[in-house]
Amino acid sequence: MYPVKRTSPRLELRELTIEDVDAVLAIYGSPEATEHLSFEPRTREQVGEIVARSVTLATAEPRIEYALAVVERDTNDLIGFGRLAMDPHQQRAATFGFALRPDAWGVGYGVETVRLLLGFGFEELSLHRVWGARSPLNEASAKTMTAAGMVEEGTIRAHIWKAGRWRDSVVHAMLEDEWRAVCR
């Protein structure tokens, strides 16, 4: 499916463009924004490669990854990055992740972003299950996913290598029927 465009009252999910590199760098290059993510802050060159890869994969057939810009509708500013990737180990399932620019935290954009990604996955991609993993220390992400209706399923031990050590991840997921119940 290309192009993707999905909106909520304040946000829009859209395809990334090469012109988004600096806006994505404000997220992926930020030590604060990446503190609980699975990687260290990225350089501009690395972000450029990520965005270019995402732009190329957007038109792949079949499309197995959706790397999308999260844009504030009133200002048209890219404030976040969302991703759904088909899970090759599960039928009709995808992993997801999201990150927002630190100055966009604390106003409900996280919940809105998660709901946009879940809605896209269940309503447009006909997925059965969407799941994501977070750092055990990322309480804001736990609250965000719970507020969006996701269920905490458990811990993947020693899942991520970051900052010279192994870190656990906490899994949150939603099933298709749970999404339908939340949307009623």
Protein backbone atom coordinates (compact mmCIF):
# COMPACT_ATOMS: atom_id res chain seq x y z
CA MET A 1 0.00 0.00 0.00
CA TYR A 2 1.46 3.29 -1.13
CA PRO A 3 1.16 6.09 -0.28
CA VAL A 4 0.03 5.90 3.34
CA LYS A 5 -1.87 8.81 4.80
CA ARG A 6 -3.88 8.53 7.99
CA THR A 7 -5.08 11.35 10.23
CA SER A 8 -6.34 11.99 13.74
CA PRO A 9 -7.56 15.29 15.15
CA ARG A 10 -4.04 16.66 15.69
CA LEU A 11 -1.69 14.35 13.79
CA GLU A 12 -1.09 12.82 10.41
CA LEU A 13 0.88 9.75 9.39
CA ARG A 14 2.47 10.13 5.97
CA GLU A 15 5.26 8.66 3.89
CA LEU A 16 8.77 9.89 4.62
CA THR A 17 10.58 11.97 2.01
CA ILE A 18 14.27 12.72 1.57
CA GLU A 19 13.51 16.26 2.76
CA ASP A 20 12.64 14.82 6.21
CA VAL A 21 16.24 13.93 7.15
CA ASP A 22 16.84 16.91 9.44
CA ALA A 23 13.47 16.51 11.16
CA VAL A 24 14.12 12.79 11.78
CA LEU A 25 17.62 13.70 13.02
CA ALA A 26 15.96 15.86 15.72
CA ILE A 27 14.57 12.57 17.06
CA TYR A 28 17.12 9.89 16.15
CA GLY A 29 20.08 12.14 16.87
CA SER A 30 18.80 13.20 20.28
CA PRO A 31 20.28 11.47 23.35
CA GLU A 32 17.06 12.29 25.22
CA ALA A 33 14.76 10.87 22.54
CA THR A 34 16.84 7.70 22.07
CA GLU A 35 17.54 7.04 25.77
CA HIS A 36 15.07 4.14 25.89
CA LEU A 37 15.23 3.11 22.22
CA SER A 38 17.21 0.11 21.01
CA PHE A 39 20.05 2.19 19.55
CA GLU A 40 22.42 5.03 20.39
CA PRO A 41 21.85 8.49 18.86
CA ARG A 42 22.41 8.46 15.10
CA THR A 43 24.52 10.81 13.00
CA ARG A 44 23.07 12.87 10.15
CA GLU A 45 24.65 10.46 7.68
CA GLN A 46 23.05 7.46 9.41
CA VAL A 47 19.66 9.17 9.50
CA GLY A 48 20.03 10.03 5.82
CA GLU A 49 20.61 6.34 5.06
CA ILE A 50 17.60 5.31 7.19
CA VAL A 51 15.30 7.79 5.45
CA ALA A 52 16.60 6.87 1.97
CA ARG A 53 16.08 3.17 2.72
CA SER A 54 12.57 3.87 4.00
CA VAL A 55 11.69 5.89 0.88
CA THR A 56 12.95 3.04 -1.34
CA LEU A 57 11.13 0.32 0.63
CA ALA A 58 7.87 2.29 0.52
CA THR A 59 7.22 1.20 -3.05
CA ALA A 60 8.46 -2.38 -2.71
CA GLU A 61 6.09 -5.18 -3.67
CA PRO A 62 5.17 -6.76 -1.42
CA ARG A 63 5.63 -3.98 1.08
CA ILE A 64 6.86 -5.38 4.39
CA GLU A 65 7.81 -2.17 6.20
CA TYR A 66 6.00 1.10 6.77
CA ALA A 67 8.32 3.81 8.11
CA LEU A 68 6.14 6.88 8.46
CA ALA A 69 6.43 10.51 9.46
CA VAL A 70 4.26 11.71 12.34
CA VAL A 71 3.26 15.27 11.48
CA GLU A 72 1.49 17.88 13.57
CA ARG A 73 -1.44 18.92 11.38
CA ASP A 74 -1.64 22.57 12.52
CA THR A 75 2.02 23.33 11.86
CA ASN A 76 2.93 20.62 9.30
CA ASP A 77 6.03 19.91 11.48
CA LEU A 78 7.42 16.39 11.58
CA ILE A 79 7.38 15.60 15.31
CA GLY A 80 7.76 11.84 15.25
CA PHE A 81 8.57 8.62 13.49
CA GLY A 82 6.36 5.53 13.43
CA ARG A 83 7.07 2.11 12.01
CA LEU A 84 5.16 -1.08 11.28
CA ALA A 85 7.11 -4.07 9.97
CA MET A 86 5.53 -7.34 8.97
CA ASP A 87 6.60 -10.09 11.36
CA PRO A 88 7.89 -13.03 9.30
CA HIS A 89 7.42 -15.39 12.26
CA GLN A 90 3.69 -14.80 12.78
CA GLN A 91 0.74 -14.86 10.41
CA ARG A 92 -0.90 -11.46 9.83
CA ALA A 93 1.28 -9.80 12.46
CA ALA A 94 3.59 -6.82 12.64
CA THR A 95 5.99 -5.24 15.06
CA PHE A 96 5.70 -1.54 15.67
CA GLY A 97 7.64 1.29 17.19
CA PHE A 98 7.41 5.03 17.56
CA ALA A 99 9.49 7.94 18.76
CA LEU A 100 8.63 11.59 19.24
CA ARG A 101 10.75 14.70 19.40
CA PRO A 102 11.25 15.56 23.11
CA ASP A 103 9.53 18.94 22.78
CA ALA A 104 6.38 17.08 21.64
CA TRP A 105 6.21 14.91 24.78
CA GLY A 106 3.56 15.23 27.47
CA VAL A 107 0.60 16.42 25.38
CA GLY A 108 -0.92 13.10 24.31
CA TYR A 109 0.79 12.81 20.93
CA GLY A 110 2.20 9.40 21.89
CA VAL A 111 -1.23 7.85 22.43
CA GLU A 112 -2.50 9.48 19.24
CA THR A 113 0.50 8.13 17.30
CA VAL A 114 0.05 4.60 18.66
CA ARG A 115 -3.66 4.65 17.79
CA LEU A 116 -2.88 5.86 14.26
CA LEU A 117 -0.37 3.03 13.78
CA LEU A 118 -2.71 0.42 15.27
CA GLY A 119 -5.63 1.65 13.18
CA PHE A 120 -3.53 1.49 10.05
CA GLY A 121 -2.38 -2.04 10.89
CA PHE A 122 -5.79 -3.44 11.74
CA GLU A 123 -8.05 -1.48 9.40
CA GLU A 124 -5.91 -1.11 6.30
CA LEU A 125 -3.45 -4.02 6.49
CA SER A 126 -5.94 -6.49 8.02
CA LEU A 127 -3.47 -7.59 10.68
CA HIS A 128 -4.40 -9.97 13.48
CA ARG A 129 -1.70 -8.88 15.96
CA VAL A 130 0.51 -5.82 16.43
CA TRP A 131 3.22 -5.85 19.06
CA GLY A 132 6.07 -3.67 20.22
CA ALA A 133 8.79 -3.78 22.84
CA ARG A 134 10.00 -1.07 25.21
CA SER A 135 12.75 -0.55 27.73
CA PRO A 136 11.68 -1.63 31.22
CA LEU A 137 12.68 1.86 32.40
CA ASN A 138 10.45 3.65 29.89
CA GLU A 139 7.38 4.21 32.04
CA ALA A 140 6.05 6.91 29.68
CA SER A 141 5.94 4.38 26.85
CA ALA A 142 4.24 1.83 29.12
CA LYS A 143 1.54 4.38 30.01
CA THR A 144 1.16 5.39 26.36
CA MET A 145 0.67 1.86 25.05
CA THR A 146 -1.69 0.98 27.90
CA ALA A 147 -3.75 4.13 27.29
CA ALA A 148 -4.00 3.12 23.61
CA GLY A 149 -5.49 -0.23 24.71
CA MET A 150 -2.44 -2.46 24.34
CA VAL A 151 -1.79 -5.30 26.79
CA GLU A 152 1.55 -5.86 28.52
CA GLU A 153 2.43 -9.47 27.71
CA GLY A 154 5.78 -10.07 29.35
CA THR A 155 9.52 -9.59 29.21
CA ILE A 156 12.07 -10.67 26.63
CA ARG A 157 15.20 -11.17 28.70
CA ALA A 158 18.54 -9.76 27.49
CA HIS A 159 16.91 -8.68 24.24
CA ILE A 160 18.82 -5.51 23.27
CA TRP A 161 22.56 -4.77 23.32
CA LYS A 162 22.95 -1.09 24.17
CA ALA A 163 25.58 0.96 25.97
CA GLY A 164 27.82 -2.07 26.35
CA ARG A 165 25.32 -4.33 28.08
CA TRP A 166 22.24 -6.46 27.47
CA ARG A 167 18.86 -4.94 28.26
CA ASP A 168 15.49 -6.61 28.68
CA SER A 169 12.44 -5.52 26.68
CA VAL A 170 8.81 -5.45 27.81
CA VAL A 171 6.32 -6.56 25.15
CA HIS A 172 2.96 -4.86 24.61
CA ALA A 173 0.48 -6.12 22.02
CA MET A 174 -3.02 -5.74 20.69
CA LEU A 175 -5.16 -8.23 18.82
CA GLU A 176 -7.60 -7.44 16.05
CA ASP A 177 -10.69 -8.14 18.18
CA GLU A 178 -9.30 -5.95 20.99
CA TRP A 179 -8.89 -3.10 18.49
CA ARG A 180 -12.49 -3.51 17.35
CA ALA A 181 -13.68 -3.41 20.99
CA VAL A 182 -11.69 -0.22 21.68
CA CYS A 183 -13.07 1.48 18.56
CA ARG A 184 -16.75 0.94 19.39
